[in-house]
């Protein structure tokens, strides 16, 4: 993550480390957020418990699926507002 944002060169490396805090638990990371952006095709995102994630997010809850790997119909049924980027 740091390598990607450092490459953009919009902030100093020190600012990036101060402002961005990586987390290891996806469920904790999504807690109290309004949006999730999936920007990779990694299969791990398909297998998440999206109901659990939705239940712990602020509402309205959005998903931006940049690789169109998620089950959008299922996510909408849960309550998410889904944006399929590139469709």
N, C-alpha and C. Protein backbone atom coordinates (compact mmCIF):
# COMPACT_ATOMS: atom_id res chain seq x y z
N UNK A 1 0.83 -1.18 0.00
CA UNK A 1 0.00 0.00 0.00
C UNK A 1 0.88 1.25 0.00
N UNK A 2 1.85 1.27 0.90
CA UNK A 2 2.69 2.46 0.96
C UNK A 2 3.44 2.69 -0.35
N UNK A 3 3.92 1.62 -0.96
CA UNK A 3 4.65 1.78 -2.22
C UNK A 3 3.76 2.41 -3.28
N UNK A 4 2.50 2.00 -3.32
CA UNK A 4 1.57 2.55 -4.31
C UNK A 4 1.32 4.04 -4.08
N UNK A 5 1.04 4.44 -2.84
CA UNK A 5 0.75 5.85 -2.60
C UNK A 5 2.01 6.70 -2.62
N UNK A 6 3.14 6.14 -2.23
CA UNK A 6 4.40 6.89 -2.32
C UNK A 6 4.73 7.18 -3.79
N UNK A 7 4.41 6.24 -4.67
CA UNK A 7 4.69 6.40 -6.09
C UNK A 7 3.95 7.59 -6.69
N UNK A 8 2.74 7.84 -6.21
CA UNK A 8 1.94 8.96 -6.71
C UNK A 8 2.61 10.29 -6.40
N UNK A 9 3.33 10.33 -5.27
CA UNK A 9 4.12 11.49 -4.89
C UNK A 9 3.26 12.73 -4.60
N UNK A 10 2.05 12.50 -4.07
CA UNK A 10 1.19 13.64 -3.72
C UNK A 10 1.39 14.08 -2.27
N UNK A 11 2.00 13.21 -1.48
CA UNK A 11 2.38 13.54 -0.09
C UNK A 11 3.74 12.93 0.18
N UNK A 12 4.34 13.36 1.25
CA UNK A 12 5.63 12.77 1.62
C UNK A 12 5.41 11.36 2.16
N UNK A 13 6.46 10.57 2.17
CA UNK A 13 6.38 9.22 2.72
C UNK A 13 5.97 9.26 4.18
N UNK A 14 6.48 10.23 4.92
CA UNK A 14 6.12 10.35 6.34
C UNK A 14 4.63 10.64 6.51
N UNK A 15 4.09 11.53 5.67
CA UNK A 15 2.65 11.84 5.74
C UNK A 15 1.81 10.60 5.42
N UNK A 16 2.22 9.84 4.42
CA UNK A 16 1.49 8.62 4.08
C UNK A 16 1.45 7.65 5.25
N UNK A 17 2.54 7.51 5.93
CA UNK A 17 2.58 6.58 7.07
C UNK A 17 1.78 7.09 8.26
N UNK A 18 1.70 8.40 8.37
CA UNK A 18 0.91 9.00 9.45
C UNK A 18 -0.59 8.91 9.16
N UNK A 19 -0.97 9.10 7.92
CA UNK A 19 -2.39 9.19 7.56
C UNK A 19 -3.02 7.86 7.18
N UNK A 20 -2.22 6.90 6.74
CA UNK A 20 -2.74 5.60 6.31
C UNK A 20 -2.31 4.52 7.27
N UNK A 21 -3.26 3.75 7.73
CA UNK A 21 -2.96 2.70 8.70
C UNK A 21 -3.49 1.37 8.20
N UNK A 22 -2.62 0.51 7.69
CA UNK A 22 -3.07 -0.79 7.20
C UNK A 22 -3.62 -1.65 8.34
N UNK A 23 -4.60 -2.47 8.00
CA UNK A 23 -5.21 -3.38 8.97
C UNK A 23 -5.17 -4.79 8.39
N UNK A 24 -5.14 -5.78 9.25
CA UNK A 24 -5.10 -7.17 8.82
C UNK A 24 -6.47 -7.82 8.80
N UNK A 25 -7.45 -7.22 9.43
CA UNK A 25 -8.78 -7.81 9.55
C UNK A 25 -9.77 -7.01 8.70
N UNK A 26 -10.23 -7.61 7.61
CA UNK A 26 -11.14 -6.91 6.69
C UNK A 26 -12.43 -6.49 7.38
N UNK A 27 -12.92 -7.30 8.29
CA UNK A 27 -14.18 -6.99 8.97
C UNK A 27 -14.02 -5.77 9.88
N UNK A 28 -12.90 -5.68 10.56
CA UNK A 28 -12.63 -4.51 11.40
C UNK A 28 -12.38 -3.27 10.54
N UNK A 29 -11.74 -3.46 9.42
CA UNK A 29 -11.44 -2.34 8.52
C UNK A 29 -12.71 -1.70 7.98
N UNK A 30 -13.70 -2.52 7.66
CA UNK A 30 -14.95 -2.01 7.07
C UNK A 30 -15.91 -1.44 8.11
N UNK A 31 -15.69 -1.76 9.37
CA UNK A 31 -16.59 -1.32 10.43
C UNK A 31 -16.71 0.20 10.45
N UNK A 32 -17.97 0.66 10.55
CA UNK A 32 -18.30 2.09 10.63
C UNK A 32 -17.93 2.89 9.39
N UNK A 33 -17.71 2.21 8.27
CA UNK A 33 -17.45 2.93 7.02
C UNK A 33 -18.74 3.00 6.21
N UNK A 34 -18.74 3.84 5.20
CA UNK A 34 -19.88 3.95 4.29
C UNK A 34 -19.63 3.21 2.98
N UNK A 35 -18.37 2.88 2.68
CA UNK A 35 -18.09 2.31 1.37
C UNK A 35 -16.92 1.33 1.43
N UNK A 36 -17.01 0.36 0.51
CA UNK A 36 -15.92 -0.59 0.27
C UNK A 36 -15.61 -0.52 -1.21
N UNK A 37 -14.34 -0.41 -1.54
CA UNK A 37 -13.91 -0.43 -2.94
C UNK A 37 -13.05 -1.66 -3.16
N UNK A 38 -13.50 -2.54 -4.04
CA UNK A 38 -12.74 -3.74 -4.40
C UNK A 38 -12.04 -3.42 -5.72
N UNK A 39 -10.73 -3.35 -5.66
CA UNK A 39 -9.95 -2.89 -6.81
C UNK A 39 -9.00 -3.96 -7.33
N UNK A 40 -9.23 -5.20 -6.94
CA UNK A 40 -8.41 -6.32 -7.39
C UNK A 40 -9.31 -7.51 -7.65
N UNK A 41 -8.81 -8.46 -8.42
CA UNK A 41 -9.61 -9.65 -8.72
C UNK A 41 -9.32 -10.82 -7.79
N UNK A 42 -8.67 -10.56 -6.67
CA UNK A 42 -8.34 -11.63 -5.74
C UNK A 42 -9.59 -12.33 -5.25
N UNK A 43 -9.58 -13.65 -5.26
CA UNK A 43 -10.73 -14.46 -4.86
C UNK A 43 -11.14 -14.26 -3.42
N UNK A 44 -10.24 -13.83 -2.58
CA UNK A 44 -10.55 -13.67 -1.16
C UNK A 44 -11.75 -12.73 -0.96
N UNK A 45 -11.91 -11.75 -1.82
CA UNK A 45 -13.02 -10.80 -1.67
C UNK A 45 -14.36 -11.47 -1.95
N UNK A 46 -14.39 -12.46 -2.81
CA UNK A 46 -15.62 -13.16 -3.13
C UNK A 46 -16.14 -13.93 -1.93
N UNK A 47 -15.22 -14.43 -1.12
CA UNK A 47 -15.58 -15.32 -0.01
C UNK A 47 -15.88 -14.61 1.31
N UNK A 48 -15.79 -13.29 1.35
CA UNK A 48 -16.09 -12.57 2.59
C UNK A 48 -17.56 -12.75 2.98
N UNK A 49 -17.82 -12.63 4.25
CA UNK A 49 -19.19 -12.64 4.77
C UNK A 49 -19.74 -11.23 4.61
N UNK A 50 -20.33 -10.96 3.46
CA UNK A 50 -20.78 -9.61 3.14
C UNK A 50 -21.95 -9.17 4.01
N UNK A 51 -22.74 -10.10 4.52
CA UNK A 51 -23.81 -9.74 5.44
C UNK A 51 -23.20 -9.18 6.73
N UNK A 52 -22.18 -9.85 7.22
CA UNK A 52 -21.48 -9.38 8.43
C UNK A 52 -20.87 -8.00 8.21
N UNK A 53 -20.27 -7.80 7.06
CA UNK A 53 -19.68 -6.51 6.75
C UNK A 53 -20.76 -5.44 6.70
N UNK A 54 -21.86 -5.72 6.00
CA UNK A 54 -22.97 -4.76 5.90
C UNK A 54 -23.52 -4.40 7.27
N UNK A 55 -23.71 -5.40 8.11
CA UNK A 55 -24.29 -5.17 9.44
C UNK A 55 -23.46 -4.22 10.29
N UNK A 56 -22.16 -4.15 10.03
CA UNK A 56 -21.27 -3.32 10.83
C UNK A 56 -20.87 -2.00 10.16
N UNK A 57 -21.44 -1.76 8.98
CA UNK A 57 -21.14 -0.51 8.28
C UNK A 57 -22.18 0.55 8.61
N UNK A 58 -21.82 1.81 8.36
CA UNK A 58 -22.79 2.89 8.45
C UNK A 58 -23.67 2.82 7.21
N UNK A 59 -24.86 3.35 7.33
CA UNK A 59 -25.80 3.30 6.21
C UNK A 59 -26.04 4.71 5.69
N UNK A 60 -26.18 4.90 4.39
CA UNK A 60 -26.18 3.86 3.37
C UNK A 60 -24.79 3.26 3.20
N UNK A 61 -24.78 2.00 2.77
CA UNK A 61 -23.53 1.25 2.58
C UNK A 61 -23.33 0.99 1.09
N UNK A 62 -22.16 1.33 0.59
CA UNK A 62 -21.86 1.23 -0.83
C UNK A 62 -20.73 0.23 -1.07
N UNK A 63 -20.81 -0.43 -2.21
CA UNK A 63 -19.70 -1.25 -2.71
C UNK A 63 -19.38 -0.78 -4.12
N UNK A 64 -18.11 -0.52 -4.35
CA UNK A 64 -17.60 -0.19 -5.68
C UNK A 64 -16.75 -1.38 -6.12
N UNK A 65 -17.25 -2.12 -7.08
CA UNK A 65 -16.57 -3.33 -7.55
C UNK A 65 -15.83 -3.01 -8.84
N UNK A 66 -14.56 -2.75 -8.71
CA UNK A 66 -13.75 -2.34 -9.85
C UNK A 66 -13.32 -3.47 -10.75
N UNK A 67 -13.54 -4.70 -10.35
CA UNK A 67 -13.17 -5.85 -11.17
C UNK A 67 -14.36 -6.73 -11.53
N UNK A 68 -15.54 -6.33 -11.04
CA UNK A 68 -16.78 -7.07 -11.32
C UNK A 68 -16.66 -8.55 -10.96
N UNK A 69 -16.15 -8.80 -9.75
CA UNK A 69 -15.97 -10.18 -9.28
C UNK A 69 -17.03 -10.59 -8.26
N UNK A 70 -17.79 -9.62 -7.76
CA UNK A 70 -18.74 -9.90 -6.69
C UNK A 70 -20.12 -10.22 -7.24
N UNK A 71 -20.94 -10.86 -6.43
CA UNK A 71 -22.31 -11.19 -6.79
C UNK A 71 -23.18 -9.97 -6.47
N UNK A 72 -23.37 -9.12 -7.45
CA UNK A 72 -24.06 -7.85 -7.25
C UNK A 72 -25.51 -8.04 -6.83
N UNK A 73 -26.17 -9.04 -7.38
CA UNK A 73 -27.56 -9.31 -7.01
C UNK A 73 -27.66 -9.65 -5.52
N UNK A 74 -26.77 -10.51 -5.05
CA UNK A 74 -26.75 -10.90 -3.64
C UNK A 74 -26.45 -9.70 -2.75
N UNK A 75 -25.49 -8.87 -3.16
CA UNK A 75 -25.12 -7.70 -2.36
C UNK A 75 -26.28 -6.71 -2.27
N UNK A 76 -26.98 -6.51 -3.37
CA UNK A 76 -28.15 -5.61 -3.34
C UNK A 76 -29.25 -6.17 -2.44
N UNK A 77 -29.41 -7.48 -2.46
CA UNK A 77 -30.42 -8.12 -1.58
C UNK A 77 -30.07 -7.90 -0.11
N UNK A 78 -28.79 -7.91 0.21
CA UNK A 78 -28.34 -7.64 1.58
C UNK A 78 -28.68 -6.22 1.97
N UNK A 79 -28.59 -5.28 1.01
CA UNK A 79 -28.88 -3.87 1.30
C UNK A 79 -27.87 -2.90 0.75
N UNK A 80 -26.79 -3.40 0.18
CA UNK A 80 -25.75 -2.54 -0.37
C UNK A 80 -26.26 -1.79 -1.60
N UNK A 81 -25.74 -0.59 -1.80
CA UNK A 81 -25.82 0.08 -3.08
C UNK A 81 -24.55 -0.28 -3.81
N UNK A 82 -24.68 -0.94 -4.95
CA UNK A 82 -23.52 -1.51 -5.66
C UNK A 82 -23.27 -0.72 -6.94
N UNK A 83 -22.01 -0.37 -7.14
CA UNK A 83 -21.57 0.24 -8.38
C UNK A 83 -20.54 -0.68 -9.02
N UNK A 84 -20.88 -1.18 -10.21
CA UNK A 84 -19.97 -2.02 -10.96
C UNK A 84 -19.18 -1.12 -11.89
N UNK A 85 -17.95 -0.87 -11.55
CA UNK A 85 -17.12 0.05 -12.31
C UNK A 85 -16.66 -0.66 -13.58
N UNK A 86 -16.88 -0.03 -14.71
CA UNK A 86 -16.45 -0.59 -15.97
C UNK A 86 -17.51 -1.39 -16.69
N UNK A 87 -18.71 -1.47 -16.13
CA UNK A 87 -19.79 -2.20 -16.80
C UNK A 87 -20.64 -1.24 -17.58
